[in-house]
Amino acid sequence: MREKHTGKISDMNNTDWERLRSRTDRQIRRAIEADPDVQPTDAAFWKDAHVVIPQPKQTITIRLDADLLEWLRRQKGYQTRINAVLRSYMNANLAPKNASSPGSARSTAGRRPQSTGTARRPR
């Protein structure tokens, strides 16, 4: 099954494409050189560069409190935000690379994450 592309394309309505197409390479280069926001790069900048192809996201089912989900869905890019929050939590709880042993204070291996949801009565 092919995934649907859901990303937004940049707002291209504000670009004067005809004007851009009518410019010569020299005019474009001069405009770039005159732009104070341009950060020129050289061969040294690109020396260690490599292409990184991101792993595709996986579709999951997750149970969330209704009010939390309602609040999240009012935010633009709420799924990306959820991913970022979970990644921050994961990174904060990963054992540092220099950890002395799996039982070190920062290790979370074998521990269940603490629940931040509503407390439930035991059955």
PDB file of N, CA and C in Angstrom:
ATOM      1  N   MET A   1       0.841  -1.181   0.000  1.00  0.00           N
ATOM      2  CA  MET A   1       0.000   0.000   0.000  1.00  0.00           C
ATOM      3  C   MET A   1       0.886   1.246   0.000  1.00  0.00           C
ATOM      4  N   ARG A   2       0.589   2.171  -0.827  1.00  0.00           N
ATOM      5  CA  ARG A   2       1.358   3.404  -0.919  1.00  0.00           C
ATOM      6  C   ARG A   2       0.792   4.429   0.051  1.00  0.00           C
ATOM      7  N   GLU A   3       1.703   5.079   0.802  1.00  0.00           N
ATOM      8  CA  GLU A   3       1.262   6.069   1.777  1.00  0.00           C
ATOM      9  C   GLU A   3       0.862   7.363   1.093  1.00  0.00           C
ATOM     10  N   LYS A   4      -0.127   8.046   1.679  1.00  0.00           N
ATOM     11  CA  LYS A   4      -0.530   9.354   1.171  1.00  0.00           C
ATOM     12  C   LYS A   4       0.474  10.393   1.621  1.00  0.00           C
ATOM     13  N   HIS A   5       0.811  11.310   0.757  1.00  0.00           N
ATOM     14  CA  HIS A   5       1.704  12.426   1.111  1.00  0.00           C
ATOM     15  C   HIS A   5       0.833  13.478   1.772  1.00  0.00           C
ATOM     16  N   THR A   6       1.142  13.764   3.041  1.00  0.00           N
ATOM     17  CA  THR A   6       0.315  14.723   3.771  1.00  0.00           C
ATOM     18  C   THR A   6       1.042  16.013   4.081  1.00  0.00           C
ATOM     19  N   GLY A   7       2.310  16.101   3.665  1.00  0.00           N
ATOM     20  CA  GLY A   7       3.081  17.319   3.928  1.00  0.00           C
ATOM     21  C   GLY A   7       2.564  18.477   3.096  1.00  0.00           C
ATOM     22  N   LYS A   8       2.773  19.677   3.600  1.00  0.00           N
ATOM     23  CA  LYS A   8       2.330  20.864   2.872  1.00  0.00           C
ATOM     24  C   LYS A   8       3.446  21.351   1.965  1.00  0.00           C
ATOM     25  N   ILE A   9       3.076  21.834   0.816  1.00  0.00           N
ATOM     26  CA  ILE A   9       4.024  22.440  -0.099  1.00  0.00           C
ATOM     27  C   ILE A   9       4.113  23.921   0.249  1.00  0.00           C
ATOM     28  N   SER A  10       5.305  24.475   0.151  1.00  0.00           N
ATOM     29  CA  SER A  10       5.496  25.890   0.461  1.00  0.00           C
ATOM     30  C   SER A  10       4.501  26.740  -0.317  1.00  0.00           C
ATOM     31  N   ASP A  11       4.154  27.852   0.263  1.00  0.00           N
ATOM     32  CA  ASP A  11       3.238  28.783  -0.393  1.00  0.00           C
ATOM     33  C   ASP A  11       3.929  29.363  -1.617  1.00  0.00           C
ATOM     34  N   MET A  12       3.545  28.891  -2.782  1.00  0.00           N
ATOM     35  CA  MET A  12       4.202  29.326  -4.010  1.00  0.00           C
ATOM     36  C   MET A  12       3.441  30.466  -4.672  1.00  0.00           C
ATOM     37  N   ASN A  13       2.371  30.935  -4.064  1.00  0.00           N
ATOM     38  CA  ASN A  13       1.579  32.005  -4.649  1.00  0.00           C
ATOM     39  C   ASN A  13       2.301  33.349  -4.613  1.00  0.00           C
ATOM     40  N   ASN A  14       3.256  33.520  -3.706  1.00  0.00           N
ATOM     41  CA  ASN A  14       3.936  34.801  -3.568  1.00  0.00           C
ATOM     42  C   ASN A  14       5.190  34.899  -4.425  1.00  0.00           C
ATOM     43  N   THR A  15       5.535  33.856  -5.158  1.00  0.00           N
ATOM     44  CA  THR A  15       6.742  33.863  -5.985  1.00  0.00           C
ATOM     45  C   THR A  15       6.401  34.329  -7.390  1.00  0.00           C
ATOM     46  N   ASP A  16       7.167  35.273  -7.879  1.00  0.00           N
ATOM     47  CA  ASP A  16       6.989  35.757  -9.247  1.00  0.00           C
ATOM     48  C   ASP A  16       7.852  34.879 -10.160  1.00  0.00           C
ATOM     49  N   TRP A  17       7.303  33.756 -10.585  1.00  0.00           N
ATOM     50  CA  TRP A  17       8.062  32.773 -11.362  1.00  0.00           C
ATOM     51  C   TRP A  17       8.480  33.316 -12.720  1.00  0.00           C
ATOM     52  N   GLU A  18       7.641  34.112 -13.338  1.00  0.00           N
ATOM     53  CA  GLU A  18       7.992  34.677 -14.651  1.00  0.00           C
ATOM     54  C   GLU A  18       9.214  35.578 -14.532  1.00  0.00           C
ATOM     55  N   ARG A  19       9.236  36.411 -13.507  1.00  0.00           N
ATOM     56  CA  ARG A  19      10.376  37.296 -13.280  1.00  0.00           C
ATOM     57  C   ARG A  19      11.645  36.475 -13.036  1.00  0.00           C
ATOM     58  N   LEU A  20      11.523  35.440 -12.235  1.00  0.00           N
ATOM     59  CA  LEU A  20      12.677  34.594 -11.942  1.00  0.00           C
ATOM     60  C   LEU A  20      13.184  33.895 -13.205  1.00  0.00           C
ATOM     61  N   ARG A  21      12.271  33.369 -14.007  1.00  0.00           N
ATOM     62  CA  ARG A  21      12.679  32.681 -15.245  1.00  0.00           C
ATOM     63  C   ARG A  21      13.335  33.627 -16.243  1.00  0.00           C
ATOM     64  N   SER A  22      12.989  34.912 -16.170  1.00  0.00           N
ATOM     65  CA  SER A  22      13.542  35.867 -17.137  1.00  0.00           C
ATOM     66  C   SER A  22      14.966  36.310 -16.763  1.00  0.00           C
ATOM     67  N   ARG A  23      15.408  36.018 -15.544  1.00  0.00           N
ATOM     68  CA  ARG A  23      16.746  36.433 -15.109  1.00  0.00           C
ATOM     69  C   ARG A  23      17.821  35.490 -15.640  1.00  0.00           C
ATOM     70  N   THR A  24      18.988  36.067 -15.890  1.00  0.00           N
ATOM     71  CA  THR A  24      20.134  35.265 -16.313  1.00  0.00           C
ATOM     72  C   THR A  24      20.804  34.678 -15.071  1.00  0.00           C
ATOM     73  N   ASP A  25      21.653  33.694 -15.294  1.00  0.00           N
ATOM     74  CA  ASP A  25      22.402  33.114 -14.171  1.00  0.00           C
ATOM     75  C   ASP A  25      23.236  34.174 -13.466  1.00  0.00           C
ATOM     76  N   ARG A  26      23.795  35.087 -14.243  1.00  0.00           N
ATOM     77  CA  ARG A  26      24.628  36.140 -13.670  1.00  0.00           C
ATOM     78  C   ARG A  26      23.805  37.055 -12.763  1.00  0.00           C
ATOM     79  N   GLN A  27      22.599  37.415 -13.203  1.00  0.00           N
ATOM     80  CA  GLN A  27      21.719  38.257 -12.386  1.00  0.00           C
ATOM     81  C   GLN A  27      21.329  37.545 -11.096  1.00  0.00           C
ATOM     82  N   ILE A  28      21.046  36.270 -11.190  1.00  0.00           N
ATOM     83  CA  ILE A  28      20.675  35.494 -10.002  1.00  0.00           C
ATOM     84  C   ILE A  28      21.858  35.434  -9.037  1.00  0.00           C
ATOM     85  N   ARG A  29      23.064  35.165  -9.554  1.00  0.00           N
ATOM     86  CA  ARG A  29      24.255  35.092  -8.707  1.00  0.00           C
ATOM     87  C   ARG A  29      24.506  36.428  -7.996  1.00  0.00           C
ATOM     88  N   ARG A  30      24.360  37.541  -8.734  1.00  0.00           N
ATOM     89  CA  ARG A  30      24.555  38.860  -8.129  1.00  0.00           C
ATOM     90  C   ARG A  30      23.534  39.128  -7.028  1.00  0.00           C
ATOM     91  N   ALA A  31      22.296  38.722  -7.266  1.00  0.00           N
ATOM     92  CA  ALA A  31      21.245  38.919  -6.259  1.00  0.00           C
ATOM     93  C   ALA A  31      21.562  38.106  -5.002  1.00  0.00           C
ATOM     94  N   ILE A  32      22.065  36.909  -5.188  1.00  0.00           N
ATOM     95  CA  ILE A  32      22.433  36.076  -4.038  1.00  0.00           C
ATOM     96  C   ILE A  32      23.581  36.713  -3.276  1.00  0.00           C
ATOM     97  N   GLU A  33      24.596  37.186  -4.000  1.00  0.00           N
ATOM     98  CA  GLU A  33      25.756  37.804  -3.359  1.00  0.00           C
ATOM     99  C   GLU A  33      25.379  39.079  -2.603  1.00  0.00           C
ATOM    100  N   ALA A  34      24.350  39.786  -3.071  1.00  0.00           N
ATOM    101  CA  ALA A  34      23.925  41.038  -2.438  1.00  0.00           C
ATOM    102  C   ALA A  34      22.988  40.805  -1.249  1.00  0.00           C
ATOM    103  N   ASP A  35      22.474  39.594  -1.101  1.00  0.00           N
ATOM    104  CA  ASP A  35      21.524  39.286  -0.034  1.00  0.00           C
ATOM    105  C   ASP A  35      22.256  39.142   1.293  1.00  0.00           C
ATOM    106  N   PRO A  36      21.932  39.992   2.302  1.00  0.00           N
ATOM    107  CA  PRO A  36      22.638  39.927   3.583  1.00  0.00           C
ATOM    108  C   PRO A  36      22.328  38.660   4.384  1.00  0.00           C
ATOM    109  N   ASP A  37      21.246  37.967   4.049  1.00  0.00           N
ATOM    110  CA  ASP A  37      20.880  36.754   4.782  1.00  0.00           C
ATOM    111  C   ASP A  37      21.563  35.492   4.255  1.00  0.00           C
ATOM    112  N   VAL A  38      22.245  35.605   3.140  1.00  0.00           N
ATOM    113  CA  VAL A  38      22.886  34.440   2.544  1.00  0.00           C
ATOM    114  C   VAL A  38      24.123  34.064   3.351  1.00  0.00           C
ATOM    115  N   GLN A  39      24.263  32.784   3.629  1.00  0.00           N
ATOM    116  CA  GLN A  39      25.435  32.255   4.327  1.00  0.00           C
ATOM    117  C   GLN A  39      26.218  31.414   3.310  1.00  0.00           C
ATOM    118  N   PRO A  40      27.244  31.985   2.682  1.00  0.00           N
ATOM    119  CA  PRO A  40      27.963  31.237   1.656  1.00  0.00           C
ATOM    120  C   PRO A  40      28.659  30.006   2.243  1.00  0.00           C
ATOM    121  N   THR A  41      28.751  28.979   1.434  1.00  0.00           N
ATOM    122  CA  THR A  41      29.437  27.753   1.832  1.00  0.00           C
ATOM    123  C   THR A  41      30.567  27.490   0.852  1.00  0.00           C
ATOM    124  N   ASP A  42      31.551  26.731   1.312  1.00  0.00           N
ATOM    125  CA  ASP A  42      32.662  26.355   0.451  1.00  0.00           C
ATOM    126  C   ASP A  42      32.844  24.845   0.522  1.00  0.00           C
ATOM    127  N   ALA A  43      33.872  24.347  -0.133  1.00  0.00           N
ATOM    128  CA  ALA A  43      34.109  22.898  -0.175  1.00  0.00           C
ATOM    129  C   ALA A  43      34.313  22.323   1.227  1.00  0.00           C
ATOM    130  N   ALA A  44      34.958  23.074   2.121  1.00  0.00           N
ATOM    131  CA  ALA A  44      35.201  22.587   3.484  1.00  0.00           C
ATOM    132  C   ALA A  44      33.879  22.353   4.226  1.00  0.00           C
ATOM    133  N   PHE A  45      32.896  23.219   3.970  1.00  0.00           N
ATOM    134  CA  PHE A  45      31.599  23.068   4.611  1.00  0.00           C
ATOM    135  C   PHE A  45      30.953  21.736   4.222  1.00  0.00           C
ATOM    136  N   TRP A  46      31.072  21.349   2.961  1.00  0.00           N
ATOM    137  CA  TRP A  46      30.423  20.156   2.430  1.00  0.00           C
ATOM    138  C   TRP A  46      31.283  18.900   2.529  1.00  0.00           C
ATOM    139  N   LYS A  47      32.540  19.050   2.982  1.00  0.00           N
ATOM    140  CA  LYS A  47      33.484  17.933   3.003  1.00  0.00           C
ATOM    141  C   LYS A  47      32.925  16.697   3.710  1.00  0.00           C
ATOM    142  N   ASP A  48      32.372  16.879   4.890  1.00  0.00           N
ATOM    143  CA  ASP A  48      31.883  15.742   5.672  1.00  0.00           C
ATOM    144  C   ASP A  48      30.369  15.541   5.559  1.00  0.00           C
ATOM    145  N   ALA A  49      29.754  16.231   4.629  1.00  0.00           N
ATOM    146  CA  ALA A  49      28.300  16.122   4.482  1.00  0.00           C
ATOM    147  C   ALA A  49      27.930  14.764   3.886  1.00  0.00           C
ATOM    148  N   HIS A  50      26.798  14.254   4.306  1.00  0.00           N
ATOM    149  CA  HIS A  50      26.277  13.022   3.723  1.00  0.00           C
ATOM    150  C   HIS A  50      24.749  13.079   3.760  1.00  0.00           C
ATOM    151  N   VAL A  51      24.149  12.368   2.828  1.00  0.00           N
ATOM    152  CA  VAL A  51      22.695  12.360   2.711  1.00  0.00           C
ATOM    153  C   VAL A  51      22.121  11.472   3.807  1.00  0.00           C
ATOM    154  N   VAL A  52      21.146  12.007   4.518  1.00  0.00           N
ATOM    155  CA  VAL A  52      20.463  11.243   5.549  1.00  0.00           C
ATOM    156  C   VAL A  52      19.009  11.116   5.126  1.00  0.00           C
ATOM    157  N   ILE A  53      18.597   9.901   4.886  1.00  0.00           N
ATOM    158  CA  ILE A  53      17.215   9.656   4.501  1.00  0.00           C
ATOM    159  C   ILE A  53      16.457   9.253   5.761  1.00  0.00           C
ATOM    160  N   PRO A  54      15.483  10.062   6.181  1.00  0.00           N
ATOM    161  CA  PRO A  54      14.775   9.742   7.422  1.00  0.00           C
ATOM    162  C   PRO A  54      13.964   8.464   7.287  1.00  0.00           C
ATOM    163  N   GLN A  55      13.860   7.753   8.387  1.00  0.00           N
ATOM    164  CA  GLN A  55      13.037   6.552   8.421  1.00  0.00           C
ATOM    165  C   GLN A  55      11.571   6.981   8.391  1.00  0.00           C
ATOM    166  N   PRO A  56      10.750   6.254   7.654  1.00  0.00           N
ATOM    167  CA  PRO A  56       9.334   6.629   7.638  1.00  0.00           C
ATOM    168  C   PRO A  56       8.703   6.390   9.007  1.00  0.00           C
ATOM    169  N   LYS A  57       7.766   7.226   9.356  1.00  0.00           N
ATOM    170  CA  LYS A  57       7.056   7.074  10.613  1.00  0.00           C
ATOM    171  C   LYS A  57       6.159   5.826  10.513  1.00  0.00           C
ATOM    172  N   GLN A  58       5.905   5.220  11.641  1.00  0.00           N
ATOM    173  CA  GLN A  58       5.021   4.066  11.678  1.00  0.00           C
ATOM    174  C   GLN A  58       3.667   4.485  12.219  1.00  0.00           C
ATOM    175  N   THR A  59       2.626   3.923  11.632  1.00  0.00           N
ATOM    176  CA  THR A  59       1.274   4.195  12.087  1.00  0.00           C
ATOM    177  C   THR A  59       0.976   3.276  13.266  1.00  0.00           C
ATOM    178  N   ILE A  60       0.462   3.875  14.347  1.00  0.00           N
ATOM    179  CA  ILE A  60       0.120   3.106  15.542  1.00  0.00           C
ATOM    180  C   ILE A  60      -1.262   3.498  16.015  1.00  0.00           C
ATOM    181  N   THR A  61      -1.773   2.735  16.956  1.00  0.00           N
ATOM    182  CA  THR A  61      -2.998   3.100  17.660  1.00  0.00           C
ATOM    183  C   THR A  61      -2.596   3.363  19.096  1.00  0.00           C
ATOM    184  N   ILE A  62      -3.021   4.492  19.631  1.00  0.00           N
ATOM    185  CA  ILE A  62      -2.670   4.868  20.995  1.00  0.00           C
ATOM    186  C   ILE A  62      -3.925   5.374  21.680  1.00  0.00           C
ATOM    187  N   ARG A  63      -4.075   5.026  22.940  1.00  0.00           N
ATOM    188  CA  ARG A  63      -5.242   5.460  23.707  1.00  0.00           C
ATOM    189  C   ARG A  63      -4.845   6.674  24.529  1.00  0.00           C
ATOM    190  N   LEU A  64      -5.553   7.770  24.330  1.00  0.00           N
ATOM    191  CA  LEU A  64      -5.293   9.011  25.061  1.00  0.00           C
ATOM    192  C   LEU A  64      -6.587   9.480  25.703  1.00  0.00           C
ATOM    193  N   ASP A  65      -6.457  10.254  26.766  1.00  0.00           N
ATOM    194  CA  ASP A  65      -7.631  10.860  27.393  1.00  0.00           C
ATOM    195  C   ASP A  65      -8.302  11.774  26.373  1.00  0.00           C
ATOM    196  N   ALA A  66      -9.626  11.793  26.375  1.00  0.00           N
ATOM    197  CA  ALA A  66     -10.387  12.556  25.385  1.00  0.00           C
ATOM    198  C   ALA A  66     -10.050  14.042  25.402  1.00  0.00           C
ATOM    199  N   ASP A  67      -9.935  14.630  26.607  1.00  0.00           N
ATOM    200  CA  ASP A  67      -9.649  16.055  26.676  1.00  0.00           C
ATOM    201  C   ASP A  67      -8.240  16.368  26.173  1.00  0.00           C
ATOM    202  N   LEU A  68      -7.291  15.472  26.423  1.00  0.00           N
ATOM    203  CA  LEU A  68      -5.927  15.646  25.928  1.00  0.00           C
ATOM    204  C   LEU A  68      -5.908  15.596  24.408  1.00  0.00           C
ATOM    205  N   LEU A  69      -6.580  14.613  23.843  1.00  0.00           N
ATOM    206  CA  LEU A  69      -6.618  14.482  22.386  1.00  0.00           C
ATOM    207  C   LEU A  69      -7.307  15.685  21.747  1.00  0.00           C
ATOM    208  N   GLU A  70      -8.385  16.143  22.349  1.00  0.00           N
ATOM    209  CA  GLU A  70      -9.086  17.325  21.826  1.00  0.00           C
ATOM    210  C   GLU A  70      -8.156  18.540  21.813  1.00  0.00           C
ATOM    211  N   TRP A  71      -7.425  18.733  22.914  1.00  0.00           N
ATOM    212  CA  TRP A  71      -6.485  19.851  23.000  1.00  0.00           C
ATOM    213  C   TRP A  71      -5.377  19.714  21.963  1.00  0.00           C
ATOM    214  N   LEU A  72      -4.814  18.529  21.838  1.00  0.00           N
ATOM    215  CA  LEU A  72      -3.729  18.309  20.874  1.00  0.00           C
ATOM    216  C   LEU A  72      -4.190  18.586  19.447  1.00  0.00           C
ATOM    217  N   ARG A  73      -5.376  18.118  19.103  1.00  0.00           N
ATOM    218  CA  ARG A  73      -5.869  18.277  17.728  1.00  0.00           C
ATOM    219  C   ARG A  73      -6.141  19.734  17.359  1.00  0.00           C
ATOM    220  N   ARG A  74      -6.278  20.609  18.351  1.00  0.00           N
ATOM    221  CA  ARG A  74      -6.448  22.032  18.054  1.00  0.00           C
ATOM    222  C   ARG A  74      -5.130  22.675  17.643  1.00  0.00           C
ATOM    223  N   GLN A  75      -4.021  22.006  17.868  1.00  0.00           N
ATOM    224  CA  GLN A  75      -2.693  22.530  17.545  1.00  0.00           C
ATOM    225  C   GLN A  75      -2.325  22.133  16.118  1.00  0.00           C
ATOM    226  N   LYS A  76      -1.666  23.029  15.422  1.00  0.00           N
ATOM    227  CA  LYS A  76      -1.182  22.703  14.083  1.00  0.00           C
ATOM    228  C   LYS A  76      -0.041  21.697  14.220  1.00  0.00           C
ATOM    229  N   GLY A  77      -0.085  20.640  13.449  1.00  0.00           N
ATOM    230  CA  GLY A  77       0.974  19.638  13.475  1.00  0.00           C
ATOM    231  C   GLY A  77       1.001  18.856  14.773  1.00  0.00           C
ATOM    232  N   TYR A  78      -0.165  18.503  15.286  1.00  0.00           N
ATOM    233  CA  TYR A  78      -0.220  17.879  16.612  1.00  0.00           C
ATOM    234  C   TYR A  78       0.480  16.526  16.655  1.00  0.00           C
ATOM    235  N   GLN A  79       0.443  15.757  15.573  1.00  0.00           N
ATOM    236  CA  GLN A  79       1.120  14.460  15.586  1.00  0.00           C
ATOM    237  C   GLN A  79       2.636  14.643  15.626  1.00  0.00           C
ATOM    238  N   THR A  80       3.134  15.655  14.929  1.00  0.00           N
ATOM    239  CA  THR A  80       4.562  15.959  14.977  1.00  0.00           C
ATOM    240  C   THR A  80       4.952  16.395  16.382  1.00  0.00           C
ATOM    241  N   ARG A  81       4.080  17.171  17.043  1.00  0.00           N
ATOM    242  CA  ARG A  81       4.351  17.593  18.414  1.00  0.00           C
ATOM    243  C   ARG A  81       4.385  16.399  19.366  1.00  0.00           C
ATOM    244  N   ILE A  82       3.439  15.485  19.209  1.00  0.00           N
ATOM    245  CA  ILE A  82       3.438  14.290  20.058  1.00  0.00           C
ATOM    246  C   ILE A  82       4.742  13.528  19.864  1.00  0.00           C
ATOM    247  N   ASN A  83       5.162  13.370  18.616  1.00  0.00           N
ATOM    248  CA  ASN A  83       6.408  12.672  18.322  1.00  0.00           C
ATOM    249  C   ASN A  83       7.593  13.375  18.985  1.00  0.00           C
ATOM    250  N   ALA A  84       7.625  14.706  18.905  1.00  0.00           N
ATOM    251  CA  ALA A  84       8.734  15.471  19.486  1.00  0.00           C
ATOM    252  C   ALA A  84       8.759  15.342  21.006  1.00  0.00           C
ATOM    253  N   VAL A  85       7.583  15.384  21.647  1.00  0.00           N
ATOM    254  CA  VAL A  85       7.521  15.247  23.104  1.00  0.00           C
ATOM    255  C   VAL A  85       8.003  13.857  23.513  1.00  0.00           C
ATOM    256  N   LEU A  86       7.543  12.834  22.813  1.00  0.00           N
ATOM    257  CA  LEU A  86       7.959  11.478  23.151  1.00  0.00           C
ATOM    258  C   LEU A  86       9.458  11.282  22.906  1.00  0.00           C
ATOM    259  N   ARG A  87       9.978  11.869  21.838  1.00  0.00           N
ATOM    260  CA  ARG A  87      11.416  11.764  21.560  1.00  0.00           C
ATOM    261  C   ARG A  87      12.218  12.472  22.650  1.00  0.00           C
ATOM    262  N   SER A  88      11.770  13.648  23.093  1.00  0.00           N
ATOM    263  CA  SER A  88      12.458  14.359  24.175  1.00  0.00           C
ATOM    264  C   SER A  88      12.466  13.520  25.441  1.00  0.00           C
ATOM    265  N   TYR A  89      11.344  12.899  25.747  1.00  0.00           N
ATOM    266  CA  TYR A  89      11.256  12.043  26.927  1.00  0.00           C
ATOM    267  C   TYR A  89      12.213  10.863  26.786  1.00  0.00           C
ATOM    268  N   MET A  90      12.228  10.238  25.614  1.00  0.00           N
ATOM    269  CA  MET A  90      13.123   9.119  25.373  1.00  0.00           C
ATOM    270  C   MET A  90      14.576   9.544  25.542  1.00  0.00           C
ATOM    271  N   ASN A  91      14.956  10.657  24.915  1.00  0.00           N
ATOM    272  CA  ASN A  91      16.344  11.124  24.992  1.00  0.00           C
ATOM    273  C   ASN A  91      16.746  11.472  26.419  1.00  0.00           C
ATOM    274  N   ALA A  92      15.835  12.030  27.184  1.00  0.00           N
ATOM    275  CA  ALA A  92      16.135  12.391  28.568  1.00  0.00           C
ATOM    276  C   ALA A  92      16.314  11.156  29.441  1.00  0.00           C
ATOM    277  N   ASN A  93      15.716  10.057  29.031  1.00  0.00           N
ATOM    278  CA  ASN A  93      15.766   8.853  29.844  1.00  0.00           C
ATOM    279  C   ASN A  93      16.714   7.783  29.321  1.00  0.00           C
ATOM    280  N   LEU A  94      17.376   8.051  28.211  1.00  0.00           N
ATOM    281  CA  LEU A  94      18.366   7.105  27.720  1.00  0.00           C
ATOM    282  C   LEU A  94      19.596   7.172  28.602  1.00  0.00           C
ATOM    283  N   ALA A  95      20.202   6.033  28.823  1.00  0.00           N
ATOM    284  CA  ALA A  95      21.434   6.019  29.613  1.00  0.00           C
ATOM    285  C   ALA A  95      22.523   6.711  28.811  1.00  0.00           C
ATOM    286  N   PRO A  96      23.364   7.526  29.470  1.00  0.00           N
ATOM    287  CA  PRO A  96      24.459   8.166  28.741  1.00  0.00           C
ATOM    288  C   PRO A  96      25.411   7.101  28.201  1.00  0.00           C
ATOM    289  N   LYS A  97      26.105   7.427  27.127  1.00  0.00           N
ATOM    290  CA  LYS A  97      27.000   6.462  26.484  1.00  0.00           C
ATOM    291  C   LYS A  97      28.107   6.005  27.425  1.00  0.00           C
ATOM    292  N   ASN A  98      28.483   6.816  28.421  1.00  0.00           N
ATOM    293  CA  ASN A  98      29.565   6.473  29.342  1.00  0.00           C
ATOM    294  C   ASN A  98      29.038   5.777  30.595  1.00  0.00           C
ATOM    295  N   ALA A  99      27.767   5.382  30.617  1.00  0.00           N
ATOM    296  CA  ALA A  99      27.214   4.780  31.835  1.00  0.00           C
ATOM    297  C   ALA A  99      28.048   3.576  32.236  1.00  0.00           C
ATOM    298  N   SER A 100      28.329   3.479  33.537  1.00  0.00           N
ATOM    299  CA  SER A 100      29.211   2.430  34.025  1.00  0.00           C
ATOM    300  C   SER A 100      28.595   1.048  33.929  1.00  0.00           C
ATOM    301  N   SER A 101      27.296   0.944  34.165  1.00  0.00           N
ATOM    302  CA  SER A 101      26.667  -0.370  34.097  1.00  0.00           C
ATOM    303  C   SER A 101      25.182  -0.207  33.828  1.00  0.00           C
ATOM    304  N   PRO A 102      24.530  -1.325  33.427  1.00  0.00           N
ATOM    305  CA  PRO A 102      23.088  -1.226  33.179  1.00  0.00           C
ATOM    306  C   PRO A 102      22.303  -0.839  34.418  1.00  0.00           C
ATOM    307  N   GLY A 103      22.857  -1.018  35.622  1.00  0.00           N
ATOM    308  CA  GLY A 103      22.154  -0.675  36.840  1.00  0.00           C
ATOM    309  C   GLY A 103      22.424   0.735  37.313  1.00  0.00           C
ATOM    310  N   SER A 104      23.068   1.561  36.468  1.00  0.00           N
ATOM    311  CA  SER A 104      23.379   2.926  36.887  1.00  0.00           C
ATOM    312  C   SER A 104      22.102   3.722  37.098  1.00  0.00           C
ATOM    313  N   ALA A 105      22.236   4.816  37.802  1.00  0.00           N
ATOM    314  CA  ALA A 105      21.068   5.616  38.187  1.00  0.00           C
ATOM    315  C   ALA A 105      20.266   6.097  36.997  1.00  0.00           C
ATOM    316  N   ARG A 106      20.888   6.348  35.847  1.00  0.00           N
ATOM    317  CA  ARG A 106      20.183   6.897  34.694  1.00  0.00           C
ATOM    318  C   ARG A 106      19.550   5.809  33.829  1.00  0.00           C
ATOM    319  N   SER A 107      19.874   4.558  34.041  1.00  0.00           N
ATOM    320  CA  SER A 107      19.353   3.493  33.196  1.00  0.00           C
ATOM    321  C   SER A 107      17.868   3.278  33.472  1.00  0.00           C
ATOM    322  N   THR A 108      17.087   3.075  32.408  1.00  0.00           N
ATOM    323  CA  THR A 108      15.662   2.809  32.570  1.00  0.00           C
ATOM    324  C   THR A 108      15.322   1.415  32.086  1.00  0.00           C
ATOM    325  N   ALA A 109      16.323   0.627  31.727  1.00  0.00           N
ATOM    326  CA  ALA A 109      16.084  -0.718  31.224  1.00  0.00           C
ATOM    327  C   ALA A 109      15.348  -1.537  32.278  1.00  0.00           C
ATOM    328  N   GLY A 110      14.319  -2.219  31.865  1.00  0.00           N
ATOM    329  CA  GLY A 110      13.584  -3.092  32.757  1.00  0.00           C
ATOM    330  C   GLY A 110      12.570  -2.385  33.635  1.00  0.00           C
ATOM    331  N   ARG A 111      12.536  -1.066  33.630  1.00  0.00           N
ATOM    332  CA  ARG A 111      11.576  -0.328  34.438  1.00  0.00           C
ATOM    333  C   ARG A 111      10.386   0.081  33.594  1.00  0.00           C
ATOM    334  N   ARG A 112       9.225   0.051  34.193  1.00  0.00           N
ATOM    335  CA  ARG A 112       8.039   0.544  33.507  1.00  0.00           C
ATOM    336  C   ARG A 112       8.006   2.048  33.637  1.00  0.00           C
ATOM    337  N   PRO A 113       7.631   2.773  32.567  1.00  0.00           N
ATOM    338  CA  PRO A 113       7.532   4.230  32.677  1.00  0.00           C
ATOM    339  C   PRO A 113       6.427   4.607  33.645  1.00  0.00           C
ATOM    340  N   GLN A 114       6.616   5.705  34.337  1.00  0.00           N
ATOM    341  CA  GLN A 114       5.601   6.180  35.257  1.00  0.00           C
ATOM    342  C   GLN A 114       4.418   6.713  34.479  1.00  0.00           C
ATOM    343  N   SER A 115       3.246   6.389  34.944  1.00  0.00           N
ATOM    344  CA  SER A 115       2.024   6.851  34.291  1.00  0.00           C
ATOM    345  C   SER A 115       1.772   8.303  34.664  1.00  0.00           C
ATOM    346  N   THR A 116       1.358   9.083  33.675  1.00  0.00           N
ATOM    347  CA  THR A 116       0.969  10.465  33.955  1.00  0.00           C
ATOM    348  C   THR A 116      -0.531  10.645  33.764  1.00  0.00           C
ATOM    349  N   GLY A 117      -1.227   9.523  33.536  1.00  0.00           N
ATOM    350  CA  GLY A 117      -2.663   9.587  33.297  1.00  0.00           C
ATOM    351  C   GLY A 117      -3.454   9.591  34.590  1.00  0.00           C
ATOM    352  N   THR A 118      -4.750   9.449  34.470  1.00  0.00           N
ATOM    353  CA  THR A 118      -5.646   9.437  35.616  1.00  0.00           C
ATOM    354  C   THR A 118      -5.460   8.135  36.388  1.00  0.00           C
ATOM    355  N   ALA A 119      -5.405   8.246  37.697  1.00  0.00           N
ATOM    356  CA  ALA A 119      -5.246   7.055  38.528  1.00  0.00           C
ATOM    357  C   ALA A 119      -6.523   6.226  38.456  1.00  0.00           C
ATOM    358  N   ARG A 120      -6.347   4.916  38.464  1.00  0.00           N
ATOM    359  CA  ARG A 120      -7.486   4.005  38.435  1.00  0.00           C
ATOM    360  C   ARG A 120      -7.497   3.154  39.693  1.00  0.00           C
ATOM    361  N   ARG A 121      -8.691   2.773  40.106  1.00  0.00           N
ATOM    362  CA  ARG A 121      -8.800   1.899  41.263  1.00  0.00           C
ATOM    363  C   ARG A 121      -8.434   0.473  40.850  1.00  0.00           C
ATOM    364  N   PRO A 122      -7.752  -0.266  41.722  1.00  0.00           N
ATOM    365  CA  PRO A 122      -7.464  -1.662  41.402  1.00  0.00           C
ATOM    366  C   PRO A 122      -8.748  -2.456  41.337  1.00  0.00           C
ATOM    367  N   ARG A 123      -8.772  -3.467  40.518  1.00  0.00           N
ATOM    368  CA  ARG A 123      -9.985  -4.302  40.367  1.00  0.00           C
ATOM    369  C   ARG A 123      -9.908  -5.521  41.239  1.00  0.00           C
TER     370      ARG A 123
END
